[in-house]
Amino acid sequence: MVPTTSPSEEVPAGPSEEAPARGKRADAQRNRQTLLTAAAAVFVTSGVDAPIREIAARAGVGMGTIYRHFPTRADLVVAVYRHQVEECAEAGPNLLTAADSPLAALRQWVDLFVDFLVTKHGLANALQSDSSGFDALHSYFLDRLVPVCAQLLEAAAGAGEIRTGTQAYELMRGIGNLCVGRDSDPRYDPRRLVGLLLDGLQRPQSS
């Protein structure tokens, strides 16, 4: 007679069965991250309306792979937005540890932030009428990045490299305003003016 087991007594899958499933999930996650990184780079240079084939070529995958992960352009743009927010948030503490000075870390972080803002400008159009979705993403953006910017400013001020009193939100808002118009005018490079803004934060060197 063949022994049977009840559902509660089912024998768990062995390691040889679990490992392939974990490997597939890990591969899928890596593929997704590769796609997001490629899409972010393409959006910075070509805007959020860039052809999907350009993103696929940069990522080294077929277009079908992109559509499997992101069925619509809006799905892709929102995913890139969240991906870049997290990259910016995680970069702040890492830069403070690795950079030559807190001011150098702030400058490198702001450069990443400008890349993010250039991508962000097409978000509202990609979401179209979903204003509630846009508002929720904007709140998420502020919650994650304002504290990181504040940490960088505090470190640079504590090291005597910049003036005290600059608020993270106002600096980020100012940088955002300088980035407006970049999409419609290729002659305009916001990075130069953002650099001048950061220069203005520095403490004058004593003679």
C-alpha atoms as a PDB file:
ATOM      1  CA  MET A   1       0.000   0.000   0.000  1.00  0.00           C
ATOM      2  CA  VAL A   2       1.386   3.427  -0.981  1.00  0.00           C
ATOM      3  CA  PRO A   3       1.658   5.781   2.023  1.00  0.00           C
ATOM      4  CA  THR A   4      -0.070   9.126   1.724  1.00  0.00           C
ATOM      5  CA  THR A   5       0.439  12.481   3.437  1.00  0.00           C
ATOM      6  CA  SER A   6      -2.044  15.121   4.446  1.00  0.00           C
ATOM      7  CA  PRO A   7      -1.506  18.749   3.283  1.00  0.00           C
ATOM      8  CA  SER A   8      -0.072  19.642   6.694  1.00  0.00           C
ATOM      9  CA  GLU A   9       2.370  16.743   6.426  1.00  0.00           C
ATOM     10  CA  GLU A  10       3.653  17.500   2.927  1.00  0.00           C
ATOM     11  CA  VAL A  11       7.361  17.026   2.567  1.00  0.00           C
ATOM     12  CA  PRO A  12       9.077  20.397   1.936  1.00  0.00           C
ATOM     13  CA  ALA A  13      10.976  20.907  -1.276  1.00  0.00           C
ATOM     14  CA  GLY A  14      14.596  19.948  -1.014  1.00  0.00           C
ATOM     15  CA  PRO A  15      17.494  22.346  -1.524  1.00  0.00           C
ATOM     16  CA  SER A  16      17.933  21.216  -5.134  1.00  0.00           C
ATOM     17  CA  GLU A  17      14.362  22.360  -5.888  1.00  0.00           C
ATOM     18  CA  GLU A  18      14.566  25.660  -3.995  1.00  0.00           C
ATOM     19  CA  ALA A  19      17.899  26.800  -5.409  1.00  0.00           C
ATOM     20  CA  PRO A  20      16.775  27.127  -9.054  1.00  0.00           C
ATOM     21  CA  ALA A  21      13.752  29.182  -7.986  1.00  0.00           C
ATOM     22  CA  ARG A  22      15.936  31.517  -5.936  1.00  0.00           C
ATOM     23  CA  GLY A  23      18.384  31.775  -8.817  1.00  0.00           C
ATOM     24  CA  LYS A  24      15.622  32.704 -11.248  1.00  0.00           C
ATOM     25  CA  ARG A  25      14.312  35.389  -8.889  1.00  0.00           C
ATOM     26  CA  ALA A  26      17.813  36.802  -8.451  1.00  0.00           C
ATOM     27  CA  ASP A  27      18.364  36.828 -12.231  1.00  0.00           C
ATOM     28  CA  ALA A  28      15.024  38.560 -12.787  1.00  0.00           C
ATOM     29  CA  GLN A  29      15.900  41.198 -10.192  1.00  0.00           C
ATOM     30  CA  ARG A  30      19.312  41.814 -11.781  1.00  0.00           C
ATOM     31  CA  ASN A  31      17.697  42.109 -15.218  1.00  0.00           C
ATOM     32  CA  ARG A  32      15.197  44.609 -13.856  1.00  0.00           C
ATOM     33  CA  GLN A  33      17.950  46.711 -12.280  1.00  0.00           C
ATOM     34  CA  THR A  34      19.915  46.633 -15.544  1.00  0.00           C
ATOM     35  CA  LEU A  35      16.844  47.835 -17.441  1.00  0.00           C
ATOM     36  CA  LEU A  36      16.202  50.659 -14.961  1.00  0.00           C
ATOM     37  CA  THR A  37      19.808  51.836 -15.096  1.00  0.00           C
ATOM     38  CA  ALA A  38      19.771  51.793 -18.910  1.00  0.00           C
ATOM     39  CA  ALA A  39      16.408  53.583 -19.082  1.00  0.00           C
ATOM     40  CA  ALA A  40      17.563  56.264 -16.646  1.00  0.00           C
ATOM     41  CA  ALA A  41      20.660  56.954 -18.756  1.00  0.00           C
ATOM     42  CA  VAL A  42      18.606  57.140 -21.963  1.00  0.00           C
ATOM     43  CA  PHE A  43      15.995  59.413 -20.344  1.00  0.00           C
ATOM     44  CA  VAL A  44      18.729  61.844 -19.263  1.00  0.00           C
ATOM     45  CA  THR A  45      20.056  62.181 -22.817  1.00  0.00           C
ATOM     46  CA  SER A  46      16.910  61.626 -24.911  1.00  0.00           C
ATOM     47  CA  GLY A  47      13.950  62.311 -22.592  1.00  0.00           C
ATOM     48  CA  VAL A  48      11.195  59.997 -21.356  1.00  0.00           C
ATOM     49  CA  ASP A  49       9.754  59.731 -24.873  1.00  0.00           C
ATOM     50  CA  ALA A  50      12.894  58.005 -26.147  1.00  0.00           C
ATOM     51  CA  PRO A  51      12.242  54.897 -28.291  1.00  0.00           C
ATOM     52  CA  ILE A  52      12.024  51.688 -26.273  1.00  0.00           C
ATOM     53  CA  ARG A  53      14.452  50.092 -28.731  1.00  0.00           C
ATOM     54  CA  GLU A  54      17.112  52.619 -27.623  1.00  0.00           C
ATOM     55  CA  ILE A  55      16.696  51.480 -24.023  1.00  0.00           C
ATOM     56  CA  ALA A  56      16.742  47.815 -25.059  1.00  0.00           C
ATOM     57  CA  ALA A  57      19.952  48.333 -27.030  1.00  0.00           C
ATOM     58  CA  ARG A  58      21.660  50.070 -24.115  1.00  0.00           C
ATOM     59  CA  ALA A  59      20.588  47.310 -21.715  1.00  0.00           C
ATOM     60  CA  GLY A  60      21.591  44.583 -24.168  1.00  0.00           C
ATOM     61  CA  VAL A  61      18.162  42.921 -24.177  1.00  0.00           C
ATOM     62  CA  GLY A  62      15.254  42.481 -26.556  1.00  0.00           C
ATOM     63  CA  MET A  63      12.275  44.814 -26.492  1.00  0.00           C
ATOM     64  CA  GLY A  64      10.070  41.939 -25.334  1.00  0.00           C
ATOM     65  CA  THR A  65      12.096  41.719 -22.126  1.00  0.00           C
ATOM     66  CA  ILE A  66      11.320  45.357 -21.333  1.00  0.00           C
ATOM     67  CA  TYR A  67       7.601  44.893 -21.961  1.00  0.00           C
ATOM     68  CA  ARG A  68       7.525  41.822 -19.730  1.00  0.00           C
ATOM     69  CA  HIS A  69       8.851  43.899 -16.833  1.00  0.00           C
ATOM     70  CA  PHE A  70       7.099  47.179 -17.720  1.00  0.00           C
ATOM     71  CA  PRO A  71       3.930  46.755 -19.837  1.00  0.00           C
ATOM     72  CA  THR A  72       3.506  50.524 -20.414  1.00  0.00           C
ATOM     73  CA  ARG A  73       5.831  53.500 -20.737  1.00  0.00           C
ATOM     74  CA  ALA A  74       4.264  55.003 -17.601  1.00  0.00           C
ATOM     75  CA  ASP A  75       5.201  51.837 -15.673  1.00  0.00           C
ATOM     76  CA  LEU A  76       8.784  52.202 -16.843  1.00  0.00           C
ATOM     77  CA  VAL A  77       9.030  55.926 -16.093  1.00  0.00           C
ATOM     78  CA  VAL A  78       7.628  55.520 -12.570  1.00  0.00           C
ATOM     79  CA  ALA A  79       9.970  52.593 -11.901  1.00  0.00           C
ATOM     80  CA  VAL A  80      12.957  54.641 -13.091  1.00  0.00           C
ATOM     81  CA  TYR A  81      11.812  57.524 -10.882  1.00  0.00           C
ATOM     82  CA  ARG A  82      11.702  55.309  -7.791  1.00  0.00           C
ATOM     83  CA  HIS A  83      14.981  53.630  -8.742  1.00  0.00           C
ATOM     84  CA  GLN A  84      16.751  56.982  -9.005  1.00  0.00           C
ATOM     85  CA  VAL A  85      15.266  58.250  -5.748  1.00  0.00           C
ATOM     86  CA  GLU A  86      16.669  55.215  -3.963  1.00  0.00           C
ATOM     87  CA  GLU A  87      20.046  55.594  -5.679  1.00  0.00           C
ATOM     88  CA  CYS A  88      20.234  59.238  -4.595  1.00  0.00           C
ATOM     89  CA  ALA A  89      19.161  58.383  -1.054  1.00  0.00           C
ATOM     90  CA  GLU A  90      21.745  55.624  -0.702  1.00  0.00           C
ATOM     91  CA  ALA A  91      24.515  57.653  -2.365  1.00  0.00           C
ATOM     92  CA  GLY A  92      24.542  60.435   0.244  1.00  0.00           C
ATOM     93  CA  PRO A  93      26.013  58.490   3.199  1.00  0.00           C
ATOM     94  CA  ASN A  94      28.310  56.519   0.884  1.00  0.00           C
ATOM     95  CA  LEU A  95      29.736  59.708  -0.631  1.00  0.00           C
ATOM     96  CA  LEU A  96      30.324  61.212   2.811  1.00  0.00           C
ATOM     97  CA  THR A  97      32.430  58.171   3.644  1.00  0.00           C
ATOM     98  CA  ALA A  98      34.340  57.970   0.373  1.00  0.00           C
ATOM     99  CA  ALA A  99      34.789  61.587  -0.796  1.00  0.00           C
ATOM    100  CA  ASP A 100      37.772  63.763   0.054  1.00  0.00           C
ATOM    101  CA  SER A 101      35.593  66.209   2.005  1.00  0.00           C
ATOM    102  CA  PRO A 102      31.931  66.816   2.899  1.00  0.00           C
ATOM    103  CA  LEU A 103      31.769  69.575   0.276  1.00  0.00           C
ATOM    104  CA  ALA A 104      33.109  67.210  -2.374  1.00  0.00           C
ATOM    105  CA  ALA A 105      30.446  64.691  -1.315  1.00  0.00           C
ATOM    106  CA  LEU A 106      27.765  67.383  -1.570  1.00  0.00           C
ATOM    107  CA  ARG A 107      28.892  68.351  -5.078  1.00  0.00           C
ATOM    108  CA  GLN A 108      28.899  64.729  -6.254  1.00  0.00           C
ATOM    109  CA  TRP A 109      25.473  64.143  -4.735  1.00  0.00           C
ATOM    110  CA  VAL A 110      24.043  67.251  -6.373  1.00  0.00           C
ATOM    111  CA  ASP A 111      25.331  65.984  -9.728  1.00  0.00           C
ATOM    112  CA  LEU A 112      23.330  62.778  -9.207  1.00  0.00           C
ATOM    113  CA  PHE A 113      20.349  64.858  -8.131  1.00  0.00           C
ATOM    114  CA  VAL A 114      20.501  66.902 -11.344  1.00  0.00           C
ATOM    115  CA  ASP A 115      20.464  63.660 -13.376  1.00  0.00           C
ATOM    116  CA  PHE A 116      17.377  62.644 -11.450  1.00  0.00           C
ATOM    117  CA  LEU A 117      15.640  65.982 -11.998  1.00  0.00           C
ATOM    118  CA  VAL A 118      16.242  65.855 -15.737  1.00  0.00           C
ATOM    119  CA  THR A 119      14.444  62.495 -15.802  1.00  0.00           C
ATOM    120  CA  LYS A 120      11.704  63.664 -13.434  1.00  0.00           C
ATOM    121  CA  HIS A 121      10.495  66.449 -15.727  1.00  0.00           C
ATOM    122  CA  GLY A 122       8.682  64.002 -17.999  1.00  0.00           C
ATOM    123  CA  LEU A 123       6.949  62.205 -15.158  1.00  0.00           C
ATOM    124  CA  ALA A 124       3.716  64.210 -15.143  1.00  0.00           C
ATOM    125  CA  ASN A 125       3.237  63.716 -18.878  1.00  0.00           C
ATOM    126  CA  ALA A 126       3.884  59.983 -18.554  1.00  0.00           C
ATOM    127  CA  LEU A 127       1.269  59.674 -15.799  1.00  0.00           C
ATOM    128  CA  GLN A 128      -1.150  61.906 -17.764  1.00  0.00           C
ATOM    129  CA  SER A 129      -4.355  62.283 -15.732  1.00  0.00           C
ATOM    130  CA  ASP A 130      -3.178  60.340 -12.685  1.00  0.00           C
ATOM    131  CA  SER A 131      -2.472  63.410 -10.546  1.00  0.00           C
ATOM    132  CA  SER A 132      -2.858  61.455  -7.307  1.00  0.00           C
ATOM    133  CA  GLY A 133      -0.095  59.104  -8.437  1.00  0.00           C
ATOM    134  CA  PHE A 134       2.163  62.059  -9.198  1.00  0.00           C
ATOM    135  CA  ASP A 135       1.459  63.634  -5.784  1.00  0.00           C
ATOM    136  CA  ALA A 136       2.249  60.375  -3.995  1.00  0.00           C
ATOM    137  CA  LEU A 137       5.566  60.040  -5.850  1.00  0.00           C
ATOM    138  CA  HIS A 138       6.467  63.647  -5.068  1.00  0.00           C
ATOM    139  CA  SER A 139       5.861  63.047  -1.349  1.00  0.00           C
ATOM    140  CA  TYR A 140       8.002  59.909  -1.546  1.00  0.00           C
ATOM    141  CA  PHE A 141      10.756  61.924  -3.245  1.00  0.00           C
ATOM    142  CA  LEU A 142      10.758  64.571  -0.477  1.00  0.00           C
ATOM    143  CA  ASP A 143      10.613  62.030   2.351  1.00  0.00           C
ATOM    144  CA  ARG A 144      13.629  60.141   1.018  1.00  0.00           C
ATOM    145  CA  LEU A 145      15.880  62.920  -0.284  1.00  0.00           C
ATOM    146  CA  VAL A 146      15.426  65.982   1.932  1.00  0.00           C
ATOM    147  CA  PRO A 147      17.009  64.241   4.962  1.00  0.00           C
ATOM    148  CA  VAL A 148      19.941  63.073   2.821  1.00  0.00           C
ATOM    149  CA  CYS A 149      20.588  66.580   1.500  1.00  0.00           C
ATOM    150  CA  ALA A 150      20.301  67.944   5.055  1.00  0.00           C
ATOM    151  CA  GLN A 151      22.924  65.444   6.242  1.00  0.00           C
ATOM    152  CA  LEU A 152      25.342  66.540   3.512  1.00  0.00           C
ATOM    153  CA  LEU A 153      24.785  70.244   4.224  1.00  0.00           C
ATOM    154  CA  GLU A 154      25.257  69.716   7.957  1.00  0.00           C
ATOM    155  CA  ALA A 155      28.514  67.834   7.395  1.00  0.00           C
ATOM    156  CA  ALA A 156      29.893  70.507   5.045  1.00  0.00           C
ATOM    157  CA  ALA A 157      28.869  73.302   7.409  1.00  0.00           C
ATOM    158  CA  GLY A 158      30.363  71.423  10.372  1.00  0.00           C
ATOM    159  CA  ALA A 159      33.656  71.150   8.478  1.00  0.00           C
ATOM    160  CA  GLY A 160      33.615  74.913   7.889  1.00  0.00           C
ATOM    161  CA  GLU A 161      33.395  74.478   4.115  1.00  0.00           C
ATOM    162  CA  ILE A 162      30.035  76.207   3.530  1.00  0.00           C
ATOM    163  CA  ARG A 163      27.964  78.888   5.218  1.00  0.00           C
ATOM    164  CA  THR A 164      25.513  77.732   7.858  1.00  0.00           C
ATOM    165  CA  GLY A 165      21.771  78.246   7.573  1.00  0.00           C
ATOM    166  CA  THR A 166      21.049  76.737   4.153  1.00  0.00           C
ATOM    167  CA  GLN A 167      17.966  74.534   4.306  1.00  0.00           C
ATOM    168  CA  ALA A 168      17.916  71.283   2.353  1.00  0.00           C
ATOM    169  CA  TYR A 169      14.475  71.854   0.883  1.00  0.00           C
ATOM    170  CA  GLU A 170      15.282  75.348  -0.381  1.00  0.00           C
ATOM    171  CA  LEU A 171      18.545  74.175  -1.953  1.00  0.00           C
ATOM    172  CA  MET A 172      16.791  71.282  -3.696  1.00  0.00           C
ATOM    173  CA  ARG A 173      13.993  73.596  -4.823  1.00  0.00           C
ATOM    174  CA  GLY A 174      16.527  76.079  -6.195  1.00  0.00           C
ATOM    175  CA  ILE A 175      18.394  73.365  -8.090  1.00  0.00           C
ATOM    176  CA  GLY A 176      15.075  72.133  -9.469  1.00  0.00           C
ATOM    177  CA  ASN A 177      14.214  75.604 -10.736  1.00  0.00           C
ATOM    178  CA  LEU A 178      17.582  75.858 -12.487  1.00  0.00           C
ATOM    179  CA  CYS A 179      16.921  72.545 -14.239  1.00  0.00           C
ATOM    180  CA  VAL A 180      13.607  73.709 -15.713  1.00  0.00           C
ATOM    181  CA  GLY A 181      13.906  74.335 -19.449  1.00  0.00           C
ATOM    182  CA  ARG A 182      16.712  71.915 -20.131  1.00  0.00           C
ATOM    183  CA  ASP A 183      14.385  69.606 -22.088  1.00  0.00           C
ATOM    184  CA  SER A 184      13.198  72.307 -24.475  1.00  0.00           C
ATOM    185  CA  ASP A 185      16.511  74.095 -25.062  1.00  0.00           C
ATOM    186  CA  PRO A 186      19.595  71.991 -25.817  1.00  0.00           C
ATOM    187  CA  ARG A 187      21.763  75.126 -25.541  1.00  0.00           C
ATOM    188  CA  TYR A 188      20.971  75.357 -21.833  1.00  0.00           C
ATOM    189  CA  ASP A 189      23.107  73.356 -19.404  1.00  0.00           C
ATOM    190  CA  PRO A 190      21.823  73.671 -15.833  1.00  0.00           C
ATOM    191  CA  ARG A 191      24.948  72.077 -14.391  1.00  0.00           C
ATOM    192  CA  ARG A 192      27.029  75.204 -14.885  1.00  0.00           C
ATOM    193  CA  LEU A 193      24.549  77.361 -12.965  1.00  0.00           C
ATOM    194  CA  VAL A 194      24.104  74.709 -10.291  1.00  0.00           C
ATOM    195  CA  GLY A 195      27.885  74.752  -9.893  1.00  0.00           C
ATOM    196  CA  LEU A 196      27.786  78.524  -9.420  1.00  0.00           C
ATOM    197  CA  LEU A 197      25.046  78.078  -6.821  1.00  0.00           C
ATOM    198  CA  LEU A 198      27.225  75.663  -4.859  1.00  0.00           C
ATOM    199  CA  ASP A 199      30.185  78.030  -5.188  1.00  0.00           C
ATOM    200  CA  GLY A 200      28.026  80.677  -3.533  1.00  0.00           C
ATOM    201  CA  LEU A 201      27.503  78.429  -0.507  1.00  0.00           C
ATOM    202  CA  GLN A 202      31.220  78.191   0.215  1.00  0.00           C
ATOM    203  CA  ARG A 203      32.767  80.135   3.028  1.00  0.00           C
ATOM    204  CA  PRO A 204      35.257  82.769   1.860  1.00  0.00           C
ATOM    205  CA  GLN A 205      38.797  81.605   2.401  1.00  0.00           C
ATOM    206  CA  SER A 206      40.638  83.663   5.011  1.00  0.00           C
ATOM    207  CA  SER A 207      43.792  85.310   3.757  1.00  0.00           C
END
